[in-house]
Each structure stands twice: as structure tokens, then as C-alpha cells.
Amino acid sequence: MGRVDPLIEPVEGATPIEDTSDLIPTHILTRADLNEWEAANILTASRRYLKKNAKLKITIDWLKSVHKAMFDETWKWAGKLRTKDYNLGVNWHQIQEELEKLTDDIEYWEKAGTPERLEQSVRLHHRLAKIHPFVNGNGRHARLVADIFLFAQGHKLPEWPEAGLIESTDIRKRYIAALQAADKGDYKSLKAFTAALIPKKED
């Protein structure tokens, strides 16, 4: 404990960092240090998964591998499903079952061809965030997985304002409100939030 500044207030709507004993780099002292290091780790993972359009098969092992690639230089628990309950997410005993339901639904959407692709990605994004399968980094994982899903379909990607989504900002508040609406089955706000971040086609 103690390598991340203990005086930093937890970000509203996020899983607080309770234990830094699994932090790999030893130079991290503040939340800003951690954000910078994690961002570099995630950028490497993004470049790996967003290189080319390829057939995508979303499985639980694949979801774990994406999280591992995102945080493998930062946290020892990268890619491992959590084994305790936090302030967000399903009961940890239900994680495997809920992920299986999600991957089954993705297969169904593919076969049925409905809903349309952007809404499929929004539902995937929301379900992963709601399940909260990992100790931390769940929102960023959900966004990257949704991007990979869209990328595999040749769809334009949203330009996520990551710095604005991991700190207490107005855009984060709107994002959290959209996720909370999706918790109640209303995906319109999250879809609109996502669509607004996708660059418009040039004339």
C-alpha cells in the first residue's frame, strides 16, 4: 500500500484503488503517474488489436486477453477475473455466467443481424461495464472491446476523450448517466453519446 498517493480522492462512479501491492512499476507515486503509465500500456494494446480488419470471435478467454494486453505492464492482476466484490459490478461468483450470457448474445446478434452494428457495440460496451469482471480498468476495457468489435466490421470508431472519462469531468458525468440509463434498459443515451464521438464523413 501507499505507492499511489493515498490523499487522492476516488473518482466518482469508479472502482477505488484499494491496494497497490500488485502494481508492477515502482516509480508510481500519484494518480497522475498511474494514469500516464496506464495510458501508454493501453495504447500499445490498442495498436495491437486495431491493426487490421479480421474475423472476430469474442470469447471469455479473448476478453481476458484484451484486458491483460491493456494492463500487463502495470498490474499483476491484468487479465484475471476478480475474486471479490467491489462498489460496482455483479457478485464475483456470477462473473463467469454473465460473461457466458454476453458472448452467447453476441453470437445471436451476429446470426440475427439485429440490432444494427453500432447498437450492438453499445450493448457490448454497457454489459461489460455492468459486469465489471476485473479488479480495475473495466470501463476502458469495455470501450476498447467495443472499438475492436466495430473495427472488425469496418465501422468508424468513436474518438473517446479518455482523459475526460477517467477523471471527474462533465463529460464523465454524462457518460455515467448514459450507462445508468442503460442499466434500466434504455440504450438511447449511450448510443447518442457514442455516435457523437464518431467523426462525420467528409463531403
N, C-alpha and C. Protein backbone atom coordinates (compact mmCIF):
# COMPACT_ATOMS: atom_id res chain seq x y z
N MET A 1 0.84 -1.20 0.00
CA MET A 1 0.00 0.00 0.00
C MET A 1 0.88 1.25 0.00
N GLY A 2 0.33 2.35 -0.54
CA GLY A 2 0.99 3.62 -0.35
C GLY A 2 1.77 4.16 -1.52
N ARG A 3 2.01 3.34 -2.58
CA ARG A 3 2.77 3.88 -3.69
C ARG A 3 1.95 4.84 -4.53
N VAL A 4 0.63 4.63 -4.61
CA VAL A 4 -0.24 5.62 -5.21
C VAL A 4 -0.68 6.56 -4.11
N ASP A 5 -0.62 7.88 -4.36
CA ASP A 5 -0.90 8.90 -3.36
C ASP A 5 -2.22 8.61 -2.65
N PRO A 6 -2.20 8.31 -1.36
CA PRO A 6 -3.42 7.97 -0.63
C PRO A 6 -4.34 9.16 -0.41
N LEU A 7 -3.85 10.38 -0.69
CA LEU A 7 -4.66 11.57 -0.47
C LEU A 7 -5.59 11.85 -1.65
N ILE A 8 -5.37 11.20 -2.78
CA ILE A 8 -6.19 11.44 -3.95
C ILE A 8 -7.58 10.86 -3.73
N GLU A 9 -8.60 11.68 -3.95
CA GLU A 9 -9.97 11.22 -3.78
C GLU A 9 -10.32 10.25 -4.90
N PRO A 10 -11.09 9.20 -4.60
CA PRO A 10 -11.50 8.28 -5.65
C PRO A 10 -12.39 8.99 -6.66
N VAL A 11 -12.32 8.57 -7.92
CA VAL A 11 -13.14 9.16 -8.97
C VAL A 11 -14.57 8.67 -8.83
N GLU A 12 -15.53 9.59 -8.90
CA GLU A 12 -16.93 9.23 -8.75
C GLU A 12 -17.35 8.21 -9.81
N GLY A 13 -18.02 7.15 -9.37
CA GLY A 13 -18.52 6.15 -10.30
C GLY A 13 -17.48 5.15 -10.75
N ALA A 14 -16.32 5.15 -10.12
CA ALA A 14 -15.25 4.22 -10.49
C ALA A 14 -14.90 3.33 -9.30
N THR A 15 -14.28 2.20 -9.60
CA THR A 15 -13.80 1.33 -8.53
C THR A 15 -12.59 1.96 -7.88
N PRO A 16 -12.60 2.22 -6.58
CA PRO A 16 -11.45 2.84 -5.94
C PRO A 16 -10.25 1.91 -5.92
N ILE A 17 -9.06 2.50 -5.96
CA ILE A 17 -7.84 1.71 -5.83
C ILE A 17 -7.61 1.46 -4.35
N GLU A 18 -7.82 0.22 -3.92
CA GLU A 18 -7.72 -0.11 -2.51
C GLU A 18 -6.35 -0.68 -2.14
N ASP A 19 -5.68 -1.27 -3.12
CA ASP A 19 -4.44 -1.98 -2.81
C ASP A 19 -3.47 -1.82 -3.98
N THR A 20 -2.31 -1.26 -3.73
CA THR A 20 -1.32 -1.07 -4.79
C THR A 20 -0.19 -2.09 -4.71
N SER A 21 -0.36 -3.13 -3.93
CA SER A 21 0.71 -4.12 -3.79
C SER A 21 0.93 -4.90 -5.09
N ASP A 22 -0.07 -4.90 -6.00
CA ASP A 22 0.08 -5.60 -7.27
C ASP A 22 0.53 -4.68 -8.39
N LEU A 23 0.91 -3.46 -8.06
CA LEU A 23 1.40 -2.51 -9.05
C LEU A 23 2.81 -2.91 -9.47
N ILE A 24 3.04 -3.04 -10.76
CA ILE A 24 4.33 -3.53 -11.26
C ILE A 24 5.42 -2.45 -11.26
N PRO A 25 5.20 -1.27 -11.89
CA PRO A 25 6.26 -0.25 -11.87
C PRO A 25 6.43 0.33 -10.47
N THR A 26 7.65 0.57 -10.10
CA THR A 26 7.94 1.03 -8.74
C THR A 26 8.03 2.55 -8.62
N HIS A 27 7.98 3.26 -9.76
CA HIS A 27 8.15 4.72 -9.71
C HIS A 27 6.83 5.46 -9.52
N ILE A 28 5.70 4.74 -9.55
CA ILE A 28 4.39 5.39 -9.47
C ILE A 28 4.14 5.93 -8.06
N LEU A 29 3.88 7.24 -7.97
CA LEU A 29 3.64 7.87 -6.67
C LEU A 29 2.28 8.56 -6.59
N THR A 30 1.73 8.98 -7.73
CA THR A 30 0.49 9.73 -7.74
C THR A 30 -0.47 9.16 -8.76
N ARG A 31 -1.73 9.60 -8.68
CA ARG A 31 -2.73 9.18 -9.66
C ARG A 31 -2.32 9.63 -11.06
N ALA A 32 -1.72 10.81 -11.18
CA ALA A 32 -1.27 11.31 -12.49
C ALA A 32 -0.21 10.40 -13.08
N ASP A 33 0.74 9.94 -12.23
CA ASP A 33 1.76 8.99 -12.68
C ASP A 33 1.10 7.72 -13.20
N LEU A 34 0.14 7.23 -12.44
CA LEU A 34 -0.53 5.98 -12.80
C LEU A 34 -1.31 6.14 -14.10
N ASN A 35 -2.05 7.25 -14.24
CA ASN A 35 -2.81 7.49 -15.46
C ASN A 35 -1.91 7.50 -16.70
N GLU A 36 -0.77 8.17 -16.57
CA GLU A 36 0.17 8.27 -17.70
C GLU A 36 0.71 6.89 -18.08
N TRP A 37 1.10 6.11 -17.06
CA TRP A 37 1.67 4.79 -17.32
C TRP A 37 0.63 3.85 -17.93
N GLU A 38 -0.58 3.86 -17.36
CA GLU A 38 -1.64 3.00 -17.89
C GLU A 38 -2.00 3.40 -19.32
N ALA A 39 -2.02 4.69 -19.60
CA ALA A 39 -2.37 5.16 -20.95
C ALA A 39 -1.39 4.62 -21.99
N ALA A 40 -0.10 4.60 -21.64
CA ALA A 40 0.91 4.07 -22.56
C ALA A 40 0.72 2.57 -22.77
N ASN A 41 0.42 1.85 -21.69
CA ASN A 41 0.17 0.41 -21.76
C ASN A 41 -1.04 0.12 -22.65
N ILE A 42 -2.11 0.91 -22.48
CA ILE A 42 -3.34 0.71 -23.24
C ILE A 42 -3.14 1.08 -24.70
N LEU A 43 -2.35 2.10 -24.98
CA LEU A 43 -2.08 2.48 -26.36
C LEU A 43 -1.39 1.35 -27.11
N THR A 44 -0.46 0.69 -26.46
CA THR A 44 0.22 -0.46 -27.08
C THR A 44 -0.79 -1.55 -27.41
N ALA A 45 -1.70 -1.83 -26.47
CA ALA A 45 -2.72 -2.85 -26.69
C ALA A 45 -3.66 -2.45 -27.83
N SER A 46 -4.04 -1.18 -27.87
CA SER A 46 -4.94 -0.70 -28.92
C SER A 46 -4.31 -0.89 -30.29
N ARG A 47 -3.06 -0.55 -30.41
CA ARG A 47 -2.37 -0.70 -31.70
C ARG A 47 -2.31 -2.17 -32.11
N ARG A 48 -2.19 -3.04 -31.15
CA ARG A 48 -2.14 -4.48 -31.43
C ARG A 48 -3.47 -4.99 -31.97
N TYR A 49 -4.56 -4.54 -31.38
CA TYR A 49 -5.88 -5.07 -31.74
C TYR A 49 -6.59 -4.29 -32.85
N LEU A 50 -6.11 -3.11 -33.16
CA LEU A 50 -6.77 -2.30 -34.18
C LEU A 50 -5.87 -2.13 -35.40
N LYS A 51 -5.15 -3.18 -35.76
CA LYS A 51 -4.22 -3.13 -36.88
C LYS A 51 -4.87 -3.46 -38.22
N LYS A 52 -5.79 -4.40 -38.22
CA LYS A 52 -6.36 -4.85 -39.49
C LYS A 52 -7.74 -5.43 -39.25
N ASN A 53 -8.55 -5.40 -40.29
CA ASN A 53 -9.87 -6.00 -40.20
C ASN A 53 -9.71 -7.51 -40.28
N ALA A 54 -10.14 -8.19 -39.24
CA ALA A 54 -10.02 -9.64 -39.20
C ALA A 54 -11.29 -10.23 -38.60
N LYS A 55 -11.54 -11.49 -38.90
CA LYS A 55 -12.69 -12.18 -38.32
C LYS A 55 -12.53 -12.19 -36.81
N LEU A 56 -13.58 -11.75 -36.13
CA LEU A 56 -13.50 -11.62 -34.68
C LEU A 56 -14.42 -12.64 -34.02
N LYS A 57 -13.87 -13.36 -33.07
CA LYS A 57 -14.64 -14.31 -32.26
C LYS A 57 -14.48 -13.89 -30.81
N ILE A 58 -15.53 -13.35 -30.21
CA ILE A 58 -15.45 -12.88 -28.83
C ILE A 58 -15.78 -14.01 -27.88
N THR A 59 -14.78 -14.42 -27.12
CA THR A 59 -14.93 -15.46 -26.10
C THR A 59 -14.47 -14.88 -24.77
N ILE A 60 -14.73 -15.60 -23.70
CA ILE A 60 -14.28 -15.14 -22.39
C ILE A 60 -12.76 -15.07 -22.35
N ASP A 61 -12.09 -16.08 -22.89
CA ASP A 61 -10.62 -16.05 -22.91
C ASP A 61 -10.10 -14.87 -23.70
N TRP A 62 -10.77 -14.54 -24.81
CA TRP A 62 -10.35 -13.40 -25.62
C TRP A 62 -10.54 -12.10 -24.83
N LEU A 63 -11.67 -11.95 -24.15
CA LEU A 63 -11.91 -10.76 -23.33
C LEU A 63 -10.82 -10.61 -22.26
N LYS A 64 -10.43 -11.71 -21.66
CA LYS A 64 -9.37 -11.67 -20.65
C LYS A 64 -8.03 -11.29 -21.29
N SER A 65 -7.79 -11.78 -22.50
CA SER A 65 -6.52 -11.48 -23.16
C SER A 65 -6.41 -10.00 -23.52
N VAL A 66 -7.54 -9.38 -23.88
CA VAL A 66 -7.52 -7.94 -24.19
C VAL A 66 -7.19 -7.15 -22.92
N HIS A 67 -7.83 -7.50 -21.81
CA HIS A 67 -7.54 -6.80 -20.55
C HIS A 67 -6.07 -7.00 -20.16
N LYS A 68 -5.56 -8.20 -20.34
CA LYS A 68 -4.17 -8.47 -19.99
C LYS A 68 -3.23 -7.61 -20.83
N ALA A 69 -3.51 -7.51 -22.13
CA ALA A 69 -2.67 -6.69 -23.01
C ALA A 69 -2.71 -5.21 -22.61
N MET A 70 -3.85 -4.77 -22.09
CA MET A 70 -4.01 -3.36 -21.70
C MET A 70 -3.26 -3.00 -20.44
N PHE A 71 -3.10 -3.96 -19.53
CA PHE A 71 -2.56 -3.64 -18.21
C PHE A 71 -1.39 -4.54 -17.77
N ASP A 72 -0.82 -5.31 -18.71
CA ASP A 72 0.20 -6.28 -18.32
C ASP A 72 1.51 -5.66 -17.86
N GLU A 73 1.74 -4.39 -18.18
CA GLU A 73 2.95 -3.71 -17.71
C GLU A 73 2.66 -2.84 -16.48
N THR A 74 1.41 -2.93 -16.00
CA THR A 74 1.00 -2.07 -14.89
C THR A 74 0.57 -2.84 -13.65
N TRP A 75 -0.29 -3.87 -13.84
CA TRP A 75 -0.86 -4.60 -12.71
C TRP A 75 -0.66 -6.10 -12.85
N LYS A 76 -0.33 -6.76 -11.75
CA LYS A 76 -0.14 -8.21 -11.77
C LYS A 76 -1.44 -8.95 -12.03
N TRP A 77 -2.58 -8.32 -11.73
CA TRP A 77 -3.87 -8.98 -11.94
C TRP A 77 -4.44 -8.76 -13.33
N ALA A 78 -3.67 -8.18 -14.22
CA ALA A 78 -4.14 -7.93 -15.58
C ALA A 78 -4.65 -9.21 -16.22
N GLY A 79 -5.87 -9.17 -16.76
CA GLY A 79 -6.43 -10.32 -17.45
C GLY A 79 -7.05 -11.37 -16.56
N LYS A 80 -7.03 -11.14 -15.25
CA LYS A 80 -7.59 -12.13 -14.31
C LYS A 80 -8.93 -11.63 -13.78
N LEU A 81 -9.94 -12.50 -13.78
CA LEU A 81 -11.24 -12.12 -13.26
C LEU A 81 -11.14 -11.85 -11.77
N ARG A 82 -11.86 -10.84 -11.29
CA ARG A 82 -11.78 -10.50 -9.88
C ARG A 82 -12.39 -11.62 -9.01
N THR A 83 -11.95 -11.69 -7.78
CA THR A 83 -12.40 -12.73 -6.86
C THR A 83 -12.97 -12.14 -5.57
N LYS A 84 -13.45 -10.90 -5.67
CA LYS A 84 -14.13 -10.26 -4.54
C LYS A 84 -15.10 -9.23 -5.10
N ASP A 85 -15.99 -8.75 -4.26
CA ASP A 85 -16.97 -7.75 -4.67
C ASP A 85 -16.44 -6.34 -4.40
N TYR A 86 -16.82 -5.42 -5.29
CA TYR A 86 -16.45 -4.02 -5.14
C TYR A 86 -17.72 -3.18 -5.16
N ASN A 87 -17.56 -1.88 -5.28
CA ASN A 87 -18.73 -0.99 -5.27
C ASN A 87 -19.53 -1.06 -6.57
N LEU A 88 -18.96 -1.67 -7.60
CA LEU A 88 -19.61 -1.80 -8.89
C LEU A 88 -19.54 -3.24 -9.36
N GLY A 89 -20.46 -3.62 -10.24
CA GLY A 89 -20.39 -4.93 -10.87
C GLY A 89 -21.25 -5.99 -10.20
N VAL A 90 -21.39 -7.11 -10.90
CA VAL A 90 -22.16 -8.23 -10.37
C VAL A 90 -21.36 -8.91 -9.27
N ASN A 91 -22.04 -9.74 -8.49
CA ASN A 91 -21.34 -10.56 -7.50
C ASN A 91 -20.25 -11.35 -8.21
N TRP A 92 -19.07 -11.42 -7.61
CA TRP A 92 -17.95 -12.02 -8.34
C TRP A 92 -18.21 -13.48 -8.70
N HIS A 93 -19.04 -14.17 -7.94
CA HIS A 93 -19.37 -15.56 -8.26
C HIS A 93 -20.17 -15.66 -9.57
N GLN A 94 -20.79 -14.55 -10.00
CA GLN A 94 -21.63 -14.56 -11.19
C GLN A 94 -20.91 -14.10 -12.45
N ILE A 95 -19.66 -13.69 -12.32
CA ILE A 95 -18.95 -13.12 -13.46
C ILE A 95 -18.88 -14.08 -14.64
N GLN A 96 -18.43 -15.31 -14.41
CA GLN A 96 -18.30 -16.29 -15.50
C GLN A 96 -19.64 -16.49 -16.20
N GLU A 97 -20.69 -16.67 -15.43
CA GLU A 97 -22.03 -16.90 -16.00
C GLU A 97 -22.49 -15.71 -16.83
N GLU A 98 -22.28 -14.49 -16.31
CA GLU A 98 -22.73 -13.30 -17.03
C GLU A 98 -21.92 -13.08 -18.30
N LEU A 99 -20.64 -13.39 -18.28
CA LEU A 99 -19.82 -13.27 -19.49
C LEU A 99 -20.26 -14.31 -20.53
N GLU A 100 -20.62 -15.51 -20.07
CA GLU A 100 -21.12 -16.52 -21.00
C GLU A 100 -22.42 -16.06 -21.66
N LYS A 101 -23.30 -15.44 -20.89
CA LYS A 101 -24.55 -14.90 -21.45
C LYS A 101 -24.24 -13.84 -22.50
N LEU A 102 -23.26 -12.99 -22.21
CA LEU A 102 -22.89 -11.92 -23.13
C LEU A 102 -22.34 -12.49 -24.43
N THR A 103 -21.42 -13.43 -24.35
CA THR A 103 -20.85 -13.99 -25.57
C THR A 103 -21.92 -14.74 -26.37
N ASP A 104 -22.85 -15.38 -25.69
CA ASP A 104 -23.97 -16.03 -26.39
C ASP A 104 -24.82 -15.00 -27.11
N ASP A 105 -25.08 -13.87 -26.46
CA ASP A 105 -25.88 -12.82 -27.08
C ASP A 105 -25.18 -12.25 -28.31
N ILE A 106 -23.86 -12.08 -28.23
CA ILE A 106 -23.11 -11.57 -29.37
C ILE A 106 -23.26 -12.50 -30.57
N GLU A 107 -23.20 -13.81 -30.33
CA GLU A 107 -23.39 -14.78 -31.40
C GLU A 107 -24.80 -14.68 -31.98
N TYR A 108 -25.78 -14.48 -31.11
CA TYR A 108 -27.16 -14.35 -31.57
C TYR A 108 -27.32 -13.11 -32.44
N TRP A 109 -26.75 -11.98 -31.99
CA TRP A 109 -26.84 -10.74 -32.78
C TRP A 109 -26.24 -10.95 -34.17
N GLU A 110 -25.12 -11.67 -34.22
CA GLU A 110 -24.44 -11.91 -35.49
C GLU A 110 -25.34 -12.71 -36.43
N LYS A 111 -25.95 -13.75 -35.91
CA LYS A 111 -26.81 -14.60 -36.74
C LYS A 111 -28.10 -13.88 -37.14
N ALA A 112 -28.66 -13.11 -36.21
CA ALA A 112 -29.92 -12.43 -36.48
C ALA A 112 -29.75 -11.15 -37.29
N GLY A 113 -28.54 -10.60 -37.24
CA GLY A 113 -28.29 -9.34 -37.94
C GLY A 113 -28.99 -8.15 -37.31
N THR A 114 -29.33 -8.28 -36.06
CA THR A 114 -30.01 -7.21 -35.34
C THR A 114 -29.65 -7.27 -33.86
N PRO A 115 -29.57 -6.13 -33.18
CA PRO A 115 -29.72 -4.77 -33.69
C PRO A 115 -28.57 -4.38 -34.63
N GLU A 116 -28.63 -3.16 -35.15
CA GLU A 116 -27.57 -2.75 -36.08
C GLU A 116 -26.24 -2.62 -35.33
N ARG A 117 -25.14 -2.53 -36.10
CA ARG A 117 -23.80 -2.69 -35.53
C ARG A 117 -23.48 -1.72 -34.40
N LEU A 118 -23.80 -0.46 -34.59
CA LEU A 118 -23.44 0.50 -33.55
C LEU A 118 -24.16 0.16 -32.25
N GLU A 119 -25.43 -0.20 -32.33
CA GLU A 119 -26.16 -0.55 -31.11
C GLU A 119 -25.61 -1.83 -30.50
N GLN A 120 -25.19 -2.78 -31.34
CA GLN A 120 -24.55 -3.99 -30.80
C GLN A 120 -23.32 -3.61 -29.98
N SER A 121 -22.50 -2.70 -30.52
CA SER A 121 -21.28 -2.29 -29.81
C SER A 121 -21.62 -1.57 -28.51
N VAL A 122 -22.69 -0.78 -28.54
CA VAL A 122 -23.12 -0.05 -27.35
C VAL A 122 -23.58 -1.03 -26.27
N ARG A 123 -24.33 -2.04 -26.67
CA ARG A 123 -24.81 -3.04 -25.72
C ARG A 123 -23.64 -3.86 -25.16
N LEU A 124 -22.68 -4.19 -26.02
CA LEU A 124 -21.48 -4.90 -25.58
C LEU A 124 -20.72 -4.06 -24.57
N HIS A 125 -20.50 -2.81 -24.90
CA HIS A 125 -19.82 -1.85 -24.04
C HIS A 125 -20.50 -1.79 -22.66
N HIS A 126 -21.82 -1.59 -22.67
CA HIS A 126 -22.55 -1.47 -21.42
C HIS A 126 -22.50 -2.74 -20.59
N ARG A 127 -22.73 -3.88 -21.23
CA ARG A 127 -22.77 -5.15 -20.48
C ARG A 127 -21.43 -5.44 -19.82
N LEU A 128 -20.34 -5.18 -20.51
CA LEU A 128 -19.03 -5.40 -19.91
C LEU A 128 -18.81 -4.46 -18.73
N ALA A 129 -19.18 -3.21 -18.90
CA ALA A 129 -19.03 -2.25 -17.80
C ALA A 129 -19.89 -2.65 -16.61
N LYS A 130 -21.09 -3.14 -16.87
CA LYS A 130 -22.00 -3.52 -15.79
C LYS A 130 -21.51 -4.77 -15.06
N ILE A 131 -21.00 -5.75 -15.80
CA ILE A 131 -20.47 -6.97 -15.17
C ILE A 131 -19.24 -6.63 -14.34
N HIS A 132 -18.39 -5.72 -14.87
CA HIS A 132 -17.18 -5.31 -14.14
C HIS A 132 -16.32 -6.54 -13.77
N PRO A 133 -15.86 -7.27 -14.77
CA PRO A 133 -15.21 -8.56 -14.48
C PRO A 133 -13.83 -8.48 -13.84
N PHE A 134 -13.18 -7.32 -13.92
CA PHE A 134 -11.80 -7.23 -13.44
C PHE A 134 -11.68 -6.30 -12.22
N VAL A 135 -10.54 -6.35 -11.59
CA VAL A 135 -10.32 -5.52 -10.40
C VAL A 135 -10.47 -4.04 -10.75
N ASN A 136 -9.92 -3.64 -11.88
CA ASN A 136 -9.98 -2.25 -12.30
C ASN A 136 -9.81 -2.17 -13.82
N GLY A 137 -10.01 -0.98 -14.37
CA GLY A 137 -9.87 -0.79 -15.81
C GLY A 137 -11.04 -1.30 -16.63
N ASN A 138 -12.18 -1.53 -15.97
CA ASN A 138 -13.31 -2.14 -16.66
C ASN A 138 -13.93 -1.22 -17.72
N GLY A 139 -14.05 0.08 -17.42
CA GLY A 139 -14.61 0.99 -18.40
C GLY A 139 -13.73 1.10 -19.63
N ARG A 140 -12.44 1.23 -19.42
CA ARG A 140 -11.51 1.32 -20.55
C ARG A 140 -11.49 0.03 -21.35
N HIS A 141 -11.58 -1.10 -20.66
CA HIS A 141 -11.65 -2.40 -21.34
C HIS A 141 -12.92 -2.49 -22.17
N ALA A 142 -14.05 -2.08 -21.59
CA ALA A 142 -15.33 -2.14 -22.31
C ALA A 142 -15.29 -1.28 -23.57
N ARG A 143 -14.68 -0.10 -23.47
CA ARG A 143 -14.61 0.80 -24.62
C ARG A 143 -13.70 0.23 -25.71
N LEU A 144 -12.56 -0.33 -25.32
CA LEU A 144 -11.67 -0.89 -26.33
C LEU A 144 -12.28 -2.11 -26.99
N VAL A 145 -12.92 -2.98 -26.22
CA VAL A 145 -13.57 -4.16 -26.80
C VAL A 145 -14.65 -3.73 -27.78
N ALA A 146 -15.44 -2.72 -27.42
CA ALA A 146 -16.48 -2.21 -28.33
C ALA A 146 -15.85 -1.65 -29.60
N ASP A 147 -14.70 -0.98 -29.46
CA ASP A 147 -14.00 -0.45 -30.62
C ASP A 147 -13.49 -1.59 -31.52
N ILE A 148 -12.92 -2.61 -30.91
CA ILE A 148 -12.42 -3.75 -31.69
C ILE A 148 -13.57 -4.41 -32.45
N PHE A 149 -14.72 -4.52 -31.79
CA PHE A 149 -15.91 -5.08 -32.41
C PHE A 149 -16.31 -4.26 -33.65
N LEU A 150 -16.37 -2.94 -33.51
CA LEU A 150 -16.72 -2.08 -34.63
C LEU A 150 -15.66 -2.14 -35.73
N PHE A 151 -14.40 -2.14 -35.33
CA PHE A 151 -13.29 -2.16 -36.28
C PHE A 151 -13.34 -3.41 -37.15
N ALA A 152 -13.69 -4.53 -36.54
CA ALA A 152 -13.78 -5.79 -37.29
C ALA A 152 -14.89 -5.75 -38.34
N GLN A 153 -15.85 -4.85 -38.15
CA GLN A 153 -16.95 -4.69 -39.10
C GLN A 153 -16.67 -3.58 -40.11
N GLY A 154 -15.49 -2.95 -40.01
CA GLY A 154 -15.15 -1.86 -40.91
C GLY A 154 -15.89 -0.58 -40.58
N HIS A 155 -16.35 -0.46 -39.34
CA HIS A 155 -17.14 0.71 -38.89
C HIS A 155 -16.20 1.78 -38.34
N LYS A 156 -16.53 3.05 -38.56
CA LYS A 156 -15.74 4.13 -37.96
C LYS A 156 -15.82 4.05 -36.44
N LEU A 157 -14.75 4.46 -35.79
CA LEU A 157 -14.68 4.34 -34.33
C LEU A 157 -14.91 5.69 -33.65
N PRO A 158 -15.51 5.65 -32.46
CA PRO A 158 -15.62 6.89 -31.67
C PRO A 158 -14.24 7.32 -31.20
N GLU A 159 -14.06 8.62 -31.07
CA GLU A 159 -12.80 9.15 -30.55
C GLU A 159 -13.03 9.49 -29.08
N TRP A 160 -12.77 8.49 -28.22
CA TRP A 160 -13.05 8.63 -26.80
C TRP A 160 -12.13 9.67 -26.15
N PRO A 161 -12.66 10.61 -25.41
CA PRO A 161 -11.83 11.57 -24.67
C PRO A 161 -11.36 10.92 -23.36
N GLU A 162 -10.41 10.00 -23.46
CA GLU A 162 -10.06 9.15 -22.31
C GLU A 162 -9.73 9.95 -21.06
N ALA A 163 -8.98 11.03 -21.21
CA ALA A 163 -8.63 11.82 -20.01
C ALA A 163 -9.89 12.34 -19.33
N GLY A 164 -10.89 12.68 -20.15
CA GLY A 164 -12.13 13.20 -19.59
C GLY A 164 -13.03 12.14 -19.00
N LEU A 165 -12.74 10.87 -19.31
CA LEU A 165 -13.59 9.78 -18.83
C LEU A 165 -13.04 9.09 -17.60
N ILE A 166 -11.80 9.36 -17.25
CA ILE A 166 -11.23 8.71 -16.06
C ILE A 166 -11.07 9.68 -14.90
N GLU A 167 -11.41 10.96 -15.11
CA GLU A 167 -11.38 11.94 -14.04
C GLU A 167 -12.78 12.53 -13.86
N SER A 168 -12.99 13.27 -12.80
CA SER A 168 -14.30 13.86 -12.51
C SER A 168 -14.52 15.08 -13.41
N THR A 169 -15.16 14.87 -14.54
CA THR A 169 -15.43 15.93 -15.51
C THR A 169 -16.90 15.89 -15.89
N ASP A 170 -17.37 16.93 -16.57
CA ASP A 170 -18.75 16.96 -17.03
C ASP A 170 -19.03 15.85 -18.02
N ILE A 171 -18.06 15.59 -18.91
CA ILE A 171 -18.29 14.55 -19.91
C ILE A 171 -18.37 13.18 -19.24
N ARG A 172 -17.59 12.98 -18.18
CA ARG A 172 -17.69 11.71 -17.45
C ARG A 172 -19.07 11.59 -16.79
N LYS A 173 -19.57 12.68 -16.24
CA LYS A 173 -20.89 12.64 -15.61
C LYS A 173 -21.96 12.25 -16.62
N ARG A 174 -21.86 12.79 -17.85
CA ARG A 174 -22.83 12.43 -18.89
C ARG A 174 -22.68 10.97 -19.31
N TYR A 175 -21.44 10.53 -19.35
CA TYR A 175 -21.15 9.13 -19.70
C TYR A 175 -21.73 8.19 -18.64
N ILE A 176 -21.50 8.48 -17.37
CA ILE A 176 -22.02 7.64 -16.29
C ILE A 176 -23.54 7.64 -16.30
N ALA A 177 -24.14 8.81 -16.55
CA ALA A 177 -25.60 8.90 -16.62
C ALA A 177 -26.13 8.02 -17.76
N ALA A 178 -25.42 7.99 -18.89
CA ALA A 178 -25.84 7.16 -20.02
C ALA A 178 -25.73 5.68 -19.68
N LEU A 179 -24.67 5.30 -18.98
CA LEU A 179 -24.52 3.90 -18.55
C LEU A 179 -25.62 3.52 -17.57
N GLN A 180 -25.96 4.44 -16.68
CA GLN A 180 -27.01 4.16 -15.69
C GLN A 180 -28.37 4.02 -16.35
N ALA A 181 -28.61 4.80 -17.41
CA ALA A 181 -29.86 4.66 -18.16
C ALA A 181 -29.89 3.28 -18.84
N ALA A 182 -28.74 2.85 -19.36
CA ALA A 182 -28.64 1.53 -20.00
C ALA A 182 -28.88 0.42 -18.98
N ASP A 183 -28.50 0.65 -17.72
CA ASP A 183 -28.78 -0.33 -16.66
C ASP A 183 -30.28 -0.63 -16.58
N LYS A 184 -31.09 0.38 -16.94
CA LYS A 184 -32.55 0.23 -16.88
C LYS A 184 -33.15 -0.17 -18.23
N GLY A 185 -32.26 -0.51 -19.18
CA GLY A 185 -32.73 -0.98 -20.48
C GLY A 185 -32.89 0.10 -21.53
N ASP A 186 -32.51 1.34 -21.20
CA ASP A 186 -32.62 2.45 -22.14
C ASP A 186 -31.23 2.76 -22.71
N TYR A 187 -31.00 2.33 -23.95
CA TYR A 187 -29.68 2.50 -24.55
C TYR A 187 -29.57 3.76 -25.38
N LYS A 188 -30.63 4.54 -25.48
CA LYS A 188 -30.62 5.70 -26.38
C LYS A 188 -29.52 6.70 -26.01
N SER A 189 -29.37 7.00 -24.73
CA SER A 189 -28.38 8.00 -24.31
C SER A 189 -26.96 7.53 -24.59
N LEU A 190 -26.66 6.27 -24.29
CA LEU A 190 -25.31 5.75 -24.51
C LEU A 190 -25.01 5.67 -26.01
N LYS A 191 -26.01 5.31 -26.79
CA LYS A 191 -25.82 5.26 -28.24
C LYS A 191 -25.57 6.65 -28.79
N ALA A 192 -26.35 7.63 -28.33
CA ALA A 192 -26.17 9.01 -28.79
C ALA A 192 -24.81 9.56 -28.34
N PHE A 193 -24.41 9.25 -27.12
CA PHE A 193 -23.11 9.68 -26.59
C PHE A 193 -22.00 9.13 -27.47
N THR A 194 -22.09 7.83 -27.82
CA THR A 194 -21.07 7.19 -28.64
C THR A 194 -21.08 7.73 -30.06
N ALA A 195 -22.26 7.84 -30.64
CA ALA A 195 -22.38 8.32 -32.02
C ALA A 195 -21.81 9.72 -32.19
N ALA A 196 -21.98 10.56 -31.17
CA ALA A 196 -21.49 11.94 -31.24
C ALA A 196 -19.96 12.01 -31.29
N LEU A 197 -19.30 10.93 -30.88
CA LEU A 197 -17.83 10.90 -30.86
C LEU A 197 -17.25 10.28 -32.13
N ILE A 198 -18.11 9.80 -33.02
CA ILE A 198 -17.64 9.21 -34.28
C ILE A 198 -17.48 10.32 -35.31
N PRO A 199 -16.28 10.47 -35.89
CA PRO A 199 -16.06 11.53 -36.88
C PRO A 199 -17.05 11.43 -38.03
N LYS A 200 -17.56 12.57 -38.45
CA LYS A 200 -18.50 12.60 -39.56
C LYS A 200 -17.78 12.37 -40.87
N LYS A 201 -18.49 11.81 -41.83
CA LYS A 201 -17.90 11.57 -43.16
C LYS A 201 -17.58 12.91 -43.82
N GLU A 202 -16.46 12.94 -44.50
CA GLU A 202 -16.09 14.16 -45.21
C GLU A 202 -16.89 14.24 -46.52
N ASP A 203 -17.27 15.47 -46.91
CA ASP A 203 -18.03 15.68 -48.15
C ASP A 203 -17.12 15.44 -49.36
